[in-house]
Amino acid sequence: MLLKDLPKCPVETTLTMMNSRWKVLIIKDLLTGTKRFGELKKSLGTITQKVLTSNLREMEDSGLVERKVFPEVPPRVEYTLTDIGYSLAVVLDSMAEWGSAYRKFLKILEKQNPL
């Protein structure tokens, strides 16, 4: 990813880096530490191997994730957030806080207007 390829708006830049729900969920999983491919796939549930591989490659290319291959048979591959990837924790924390508040808001609305 080159600077000239990014939007001028900082919010749009952030959205570009996290442009799929899978990337956000991968980041959330990796915030707790290094994970192997299989661990990520299992944790994410319905994601396909192809989609997970594609998202991890994009995140590696953009500098959010580091991939380490161990010369073993079978090969072991681990993924870790880079420092800039870890810095997205505050964004995810804010998203979680907003999501919780919105769920409470909907709960109140549903009590006021039951179906």
C-alpha atoms as a PDB file:
ATOM      1  CA  MET A   1       0.000   0.000   0.000  1.00  0.00           C
ATOM      2  CA  LEU A   2       1.363   3.384  -0.983  1.00  0.00           C
ATOM      3  CA  LEU A   3       0.427   6.711   0.526  1.00  0.00           C
ATOM      4  CA  LYS A   4      -0.661   8.008  -2.879  1.00  0.00           C
ATOM      5  CA  ASP A   5      -3.184   5.145  -3.104  1.00  0.00           C
ATOM      6  CA  LEU A   6      -4.951   6.115   0.115  1.00  0.00           C
ATOM      7  CA  PRO A   7      -7.896   8.501   0.353  1.00  0.00           C
ATOM      8  CA  LYS A   8      -7.176  11.962   1.727  1.00  0.00           C
ATOM      9  CA  CYS A   9      -9.851  11.591   4.430  1.00  0.00           C
ATOM     10  CA  PRO A  10      -8.407   9.877   7.541  1.00  0.00           C
ATOM     11  CA  VAL A  11     -11.737   8.167   8.334  1.00  0.00           C
ATOM     12  CA  GLU A  12     -11.867   6.758   4.817  1.00  0.00           C
ATOM     13  CA  THR A  13      -8.253   5.608   5.181  1.00  0.00           C
ATOM     14  CA  THR A  14      -9.188   3.666   8.320  1.00  0.00           C
ATOM     15  CA  LEU A  15     -12.186   2.143   6.545  1.00  0.00           C
ATOM     16  CA  THR A  16      -9.949   1.182   3.621  1.00  0.00           C
ATOM     17  CA  MET A  17      -7.626  -0.716   5.962  1.00  0.00           C
ATOM     18  CA  MET A  18     -10.557  -2.481   7.644  1.00  0.00           C
ATOM     19  CA  ASN A  19     -12.805  -2.774   4.596  1.00  0.00           C
ATOM     20  CA  SER A  20     -14.440  -6.071   5.516  1.00  0.00           C
ATOM     21  CA  ARG A  21     -16.021  -7.509   8.606  1.00  0.00           C
ATOM     22  CA  TRP A  22     -13.505 -10.344   8.404  1.00  0.00           C
ATOM     23  CA  LYS A  23     -10.531  -7.985   8.750  1.00  0.00           C
ATOM     24  CA  VAL A  24     -12.100  -6.419  11.828  1.00  0.00           C
ATOM     25  CA  LEU A  25     -12.732  -9.853  13.350  1.00  0.00           C
ATOM     26  CA  ILE A  26      -9.209 -11.055  12.457  1.00  0.00           C
ATOM     27  CA  ILE A  27      -7.764  -7.992  14.180  1.00  0.00           C
ATOM     28  CA  LYS A  28      -9.987  -8.619  17.212  1.00  0.00           C
ATOM     29  CA  ASP A  29      -8.688 -12.203  17.425  1.00  0.00           C
ATOM     30  CA  LEU A  30      -5.046 -11.215  16.980  1.00  0.00           C
ATOM     31  CA  LEU A  31      -5.261  -8.522  19.679  1.00  0.00           C
ATOM     32  CA  THR A  32      -4.979 -11.358  22.212  1.00  0.00           C
ATOM     33  CA  GLY A  33      -1.750 -12.595  20.637  1.00  0.00           C
ATOM     34  CA  THR A  34      -0.209 -14.648  17.854  1.00  0.00           C
ATOM     35  CA  LYS A  35      -2.447 -17.227  16.208  1.00  0.00           C
ATOM     36  CA  ARG A  36      -1.988 -20.021  13.715  1.00  0.00           C
ATOM     37  CA  PHE A  37      -4.101 -20.130  10.564  1.00  0.00           C
ATOM     38  CA  GLY A  38      -6.246 -22.982  11.879  1.00  0.00           C
ATOM     39  CA  GLU A  39      -6.912 -21.167  15.156  1.00  0.00           C
ATOM     40  CA  LEU A  40      -8.103 -18.082  13.272  1.00  0.00           C
ATOM     41  CA  LYS A  41     -10.306 -20.140  10.954  1.00  0.00           C
ATOM     42  CA  LYS A  42     -11.889 -22.000  13.855  1.00  0.00           C
ATOM     43  CA  SER A  43     -12.437 -18.815  15.845  1.00  0.00           C
ATOM     44  CA  LEU A  44     -14.042 -16.990  12.916  1.00  0.00           C
ATOM     45  CA  GLY A  45     -16.493 -19.794  12.262  1.00  0.00           C
ATOM     46  CA  THR A  46     -18.103 -19.408   8.849  1.00  0.00           C
ATOM     47  CA  ILE A  47     -15.132 -17.874   7.016  1.00  0.00           C
ATOM     48  CA  THR A  48     -13.774 -19.955   4.142  1.00  0.00           C
ATOM     49  CA  GLN A  49     -10.101 -20.806   3.847  1.00  0.00           C
ATOM     50  CA  LYS A  50      -9.891 -18.779   0.627  1.00  0.00           C
ATOM     51  CA  VAL A  51     -11.412 -15.656   2.198  1.00  0.00           C
ATOM     52  CA  LEU A  52      -9.239 -15.934   5.313  1.00  0.00           C
ATOM     53  CA  THR A  53      -6.096 -16.366   3.205  1.00  0.00           C
ATOM     54  CA  SER A  54      -7.023 -13.411   1.008  1.00  0.00           C
ATOM     55  CA  ASN A  55      -7.729 -11.122   3.981  1.00  0.00           C
ATOM     56  CA  LEU A  56      -4.531 -12.123   5.770  1.00  0.00           C
ATOM     57  CA  ARG A  57      -2.478 -11.453   2.624  1.00  0.00           C
ATOM     58  CA  GLU A  58      -4.060  -8.025   2.190  1.00  0.00           C
ATOM     59  CA  MET A  59      -3.432  -7.227   5.848  1.00  0.00           C
ATOM     60  CA  GLU A  60       0.166  -8.383   5.529  1.00  0.00           C
ATOM     61  CA  ASP A  61       0.643  -6.252   2.395  1.00  0.00           C
ATOM     62  CA  SER A  62      -0.756  -3.197   4.192  1.00  0.00           C
ATOM     63  CA  GLY A  63       1.522  -3.723   7.207  1.00  0.00           C
ATOM     64  CA  LEU A  64      -1.165  -4.652   9.750  1.00  0.00           C
ATOM     65  CA  VAL A  65      -0.167  -8.313  10.142  1.00  0.00           C
ATOM     66  CA  GLU A  66       3.130 -10.147  10.189  1.00  0.00           C
ATOM     67  CA  ARG A  67       3.335 -13.721   8.892  1.00  0.00           C
ATOM     68  CA  LYS A  68       6.001 -16.071  10.177  1.00  0.00           C
ATOM     69  CA  VAL A  69       6.652 -19.438   8.519  1.00  0.00           C
ATOM     70  CA  PHE A  70       8.524 -22.096  10.462  1.00  0.00           C
ATOM     71  CA  PRO A  71      10.607 -24.579   8.441  1.00  0.00           C
ATOM     72  CA  GLU A  72       8.848 -27.683   9.716  1.00  0.00           C
ATOM     73  CA  VAL A  73       6.943 -30.538   8.141  1.00  0.00           C
ATOM     74  CA  PRO A  74       4.107 -29.780   7.876  1.00  0.00           C
ATOM     75  CA  PRO A  75       4.883 -26.047   7.742  1.00  0.00           C
ATOM     76  CA  ARG A  76       3.683 -23.997  10.693  1.00  0.00           C
ATOM     77  CA  VAL A  77       2.529 -20.458   9.949  1.00  0.00           C
ATOM     78  CA  GLU A  78       1.739 -17.873  12.623  1.00  0.00           C
ATOM     79  CA  TYR A  79       0.124 -14.463  12.324  1.00  0.00           C
ATOM     80  CA  THR A  80       0.762 -11.532  14.632  1.00  0.00           C
ATOM     81  CA  LEU A  81      -0.390  -7.926  14.552  1.00  0.00           C
ATOM     82  CA  THR A  82       2.323  -5.392  13.866  1.00  0.00           C
ATOM     83  CA  ASP A  83       2.594  -2.310  16.080  1.00  0.00           C
ATOM     84  CA  ILE A  84       0.394  -0.358  13.665  1.00  0.00           C
ATOM     85  CA  GLY A  85      -2.057  -3.277  13.664  1.00  0.00           C
ATOM     86  CA  TYR A  86      -2.173  -3.264  17.483  1.00  0.00           C
ATOM     87  CA  SER A  87      -2.877   0.460  17.392  1.00  0.00           C
ATOM     88  CA  LEU A  88      -6.318  -0.401  15.944  1.00  0.00           C
ATOM     89  CA  ALA A  89      -7.303  -1.709  19.398  1.00  0.00           C
ATOM     90  CA  VAL A  90      -8.666   1.712  20.351  1.00  0.00           C
ATOM     91  CA  VAL A  91     -10.828   1.713  17.201  1.00  0.00           C
ATOM     92  CA  LEU A  92     -12.210  -1.738  18.017  1.00  0.00           C
ATOM     93  CA  ASP A  93     -12.752  -0.753  21.657  1.00  0.00           C
ATOM     94  CA  SER A  94     -14.777   2.248  20.489  1.00  0.00           C
ATOM     95  CA  MET A  95     -16.757   0.040  18.110  1.00  0.00           C
ATOM     96  CA  ALA A  96     -17.500  -2.412  20.941  1.00  0.00           C
ATOM     97  CA  GLU A  97     -18.578   0.405  23.242  1.00  0.00           C
ATOM     98  CA  TRP A  98     -20.868   1.871  20.587  1.00  0.00           C
ATOM     99  CA  GLY A  99     -22.287  -1.586  19.754  1.00  0.00           C
ATOM    100  CA  SER A 100     -23.127  -2.203  23.415  1.00  0.00           C
ATOM    101  CA  ALA A 101     -24.781   1.198  23.743  1.00  0.00           C
ATOM    102  CA  TYR A 102     -26.790   0.604  20.576  1.00  0.00           C
ATOM    103  CA  ARG A 103     -27.992  -2.783  21.832  1.00  0.00           C
ATOM    104  CA  LYS A 104     -29.164  -1.126  25.075  1.00  0.00           C
ATOM    105  CA  PHE A 105     -30.917   1.558  23.019  1.00  0.00           C
ATOM    106  CA  LEU A 106     -32.764  -1.098  20.996  1.00  0.00           C
ATOM    107  CA  LYS A 107     -33.715  -2.970  24.151  1.00  0.00           C
ATOM    108  CA  ILE A 108     -35.331   0.188  25.542  1.00  0.00           C
ATOM    109  CA  LEU A 109     -37.149   0.814  22.243  1.00  0.00           C
ATOM    110  CA  GLU A 110     -38.468  -2.739  22.173  1.00  0.00           C
ATOM    111  CA  LYS A 111     -39.828  -2.381  25.720  1.00  0.00           C
ATOM    112  CA  GLN A 112     -41.575   0.866  24.753  1.00  0.00           C
ATOM    113  CA  ASN A 113     -42.945  -0.520  21.480  1.00  0.00           C
ATOM    114  CA  PRO A 114     -43.413  -4.290  21.752  1.00  0.00           C
ATOM    115  CA  LEU A 115     -44.338  -6.063  18.530  1.00  0.00           C
END
